[in-house]
Structure formats: structure tokens, C-alpha cells
């Protein structure tokens, strides 16, 4: 139906173009308002780069500044992530310092007689003949001795007859001519005995008789009074002579052996540790040795920086108490690995190989269990033992024995050795009297040609040594220090973002 002229006049036409323009102006006004607010934010920001963006004269320049800012921000974030990673890597640096310690404690000294500890005299031969089913007086060949000695020792060790076996061996009192520590006389009572790889003896200055020091004080010798069971310092008053030892080895009674290093093995170690590391100095007959030690201390950060421990497992503590008495001894990584190897063998064989020192218990699955030695006459068991030992030693012990960590704090004594031929011709007559006295005390018969070939016998048997700091009280101290600490991380992060 067509509209009348009046109706056409009453209808107001809609201006669509004007409405769209208003919307466009409103959006533009909002954008300008947001842009102004963003510019105000950038102007009042602490970011240096943001102010350049806010004050840019042209849109193109502003876009350029924004792109540069994003690039710089990316680089700074990358540096920050690297700094955080560096902090959590827990790296450390090693510090080496020298300190002067006038109260330097004297170390423990371990000596081991080599090659075999057994004393090959008539008393031993009588017992050995019974083991070999020989008649009294029948000769024992070297081949018989070498082939049967392990079985002979096995019988004594498996029966717990350690003292009897020790009595058939060379002991310290059989060979020790004299002993003194800083002018104080000492004897075999000041040594701890360990029957391993030969008779081993450890001198620990804490066992010295205090009364001897008090007697010296009364004689006006400058040695201070000390308490029982205290560790002696290297220097007592004005005296710094160390430990002086003289031996006569009686090589004519040495057990036949295929080992070719006769003499004495000497090691120095901390007084609360045992000598198990295998770091020995060989001291040979016919020589006077001056052995000077220098101490080094090592301390690890531990924790998340480096895995370490100072704690002994119960089987190591048990072994220490049985071998060395109730003295306080510290954790030893070498011994921990050795015991771990024995556990590895025990779990496969139900026994452990013959050792020269008694191991009666091992920690198996968290329980301290009594163990037995493998029968050395059982070839099948011996083959399994050898296979297990090869498997263990071909693998990384850190995987097999994760509990055998390095020690967090330890001490090491570096040895500097010099020697000259001994004894001097002028001392021979006096030494002959001392050897005669020693032989009489220990019921040892001297060789028939001892008096006709005296000098040669002393060249083959006499050993003299002095172990001292020689007035050197400098201690090398090695410590670890975090390479990157938390304050360093905060400082770096602040520096990275502060430069934006």
C-alpha cells in the first residue's frame, strides 16, 4: 500500500553514516586514552628503555624501540635463567692455604714387617711338621712351605686362634732394639697390634706413659706435663725429635716367600684412623732413614655440593673394636669398600676368602651377621670367589657400594725420605751387645757366622729410622668454597634487570 504525503513527512530519515562515525570516534578516543595511559606508565617506569619508547616522536621509531626492548628483555631473561642454573649446579672452588700450627699433633705411625710374618724357627717348624704330617726332625722344603702356608694359617684363623698364630710370628719385641719419642723411652706396649699382611704395629702417642714426662720434668728437661690419653704434640717444650726406632730383623729366620721386598713398610696417618690406604714407605735393612712428614688437611662442603660422610656402618665399627680395642677410630673409605667387596662375595658364596686379619661379622641386609671363611681346599668355591672378586673390581664401586663415600674431612701426611748406610763401623761393638741381649730375651738363636761376619749381618738386618716434623709446623689446609652463592645470584638478577 502506498504512503500518503502526510505519512511520508512524519517519517524521520536515519543517517547511518553519522552513527558509524560516532562509533569510530569513540573507539579512537579509547585507544588514545589507553595509549596515553601506557605512555604515562612507561614514563614513570624504572625501566630505562621504556622511557625511550614513551617519548618516541614517530610511530615507526616507537615500534623500533619496542622491538629493541623485546630483544634486550629476551637476552636478560636468558642470562637470568643461566644464573639460576649455575646456582643449582652447586659448583665449588678449592682453596689452598698454609697455616702455622705450633700445637701440631704427632700422627700415628704404622710399621709392617715384610714379607711373611711367620718366624721360621724350630718352634714353628715343630708345629708345621704336625700340620704336614711329617715326623720330628724331617726337613721341610721351601716348596712345601710355600704351598701349605695358607692352609696352615686357615686352620688357625677359622678356629679363632689368632694369639697362637701371632706367637708363631715375628712380633715387635722380637725385633725392636730401641724406641724413643721426644727423648721419652717407649716400648712395644705403646703400639697397637694388627695381624694383616705381616705383623703390623701402630704407634700412637696417646699411649705414652705420663709418668715418664713427669720424671723428665723433675730432671729439669723442658717437657710440659700432659694428661693421660692425650695426643702428643710434635713439639714437647723445646724438644722436637719425633719417633726414633731401631730394629734387628733376624733375616735367617724369615719364612720362605715368593715376595721380593724384605724390610719394613712405614706409613703415617691421623691418630683416629687406621692404616688401610696402602700408601707405605719401604724401609730396607742396612740404612738409616730420616723421614720428615708434612701435614695436609682436606675439608669438603658436603651436602648438595659433594657427597661425603664421616659415619661408619656397624660392621666397620665392630671390626675396629675387635682389631684395635675400644679407641675411637674414624670412618675409612678404603675399609668400607673392602668390607663391601666381602659382602658381595658372601652373598654369592655364603663365605668370605681367607684374610690375615679376623673378620667375624658383616652387615648383611641391615643385620650384623656372623660369617665364616671359605674352605681353601674347595676348588669350586675358590673359583667362584675369584670370579666374584673380578666382577666386583671391574665395576664402579660407587654403584655397587653407594654408601662408601669419600670422607668429609681428612688428614694426610706427605713423607720426604732421605737415607744413608748404617750402622757406622764405630757402633758395631755396642750393637752386637744389644743384639745379643735382644736374642736372649726373645729366645732367638743367632746364626753360626754372626761373629765372624758381623758387618754383613748388620747390613742385612739392621734398620734405623727417625720420623719427625723437623721443626716444620706449616700445615697445608685445603677447603672448598661455593663458587656461586645465593647473594651472588640475587646481585646478578638485580644487575640484569636493573640495566633495562
Foldseek 3Di string as FASTA:
>chain_A
DDDDPVVVVPDDDDDPVVVVVVVVVVVVVVVVVVLVVQLVCLCPDLFPLSPCLSPDPDPVSNVVSVVVVVVLVVVLVVVLVVLVVLALVFAWDKDKDKDFDPQAFFFKKKKFFDQAFFFQDLVLVVVVCVVVVHDPPDDDDLVNLAVCVLVVVQVCQQVVVLVVRNLRGDDPLLWWLFKDALNQGDDQVQWAWFQFSGIMTMHFQLQDDQVSQVVVVVVVDQFDRDDHSDGHGCDGGNTRQGMKTKTFAQCVRDRNDPDDQGAMWMFTFHHQADPDPPDTDGFAFQKEKEKAKAKEKEAEPDDSNFPADWDDDPQVVVLCCVRGNDDHHIDDLNVLLVLLLQQQLCVVQVAGADGRGHRQWHQDPNDTDGGGHDDPVDVVSVVSNVVSNVVCVVDDSCVSPVVSGHHRMGMHMDIDMDMDGDDDPVCQVVVVVSSVVSCVVSVHDHDPCCPVPVVVSNRRTMYIYTYTNVPRRMYIYMYIDRPAHPVNSVVSSCVSSSND
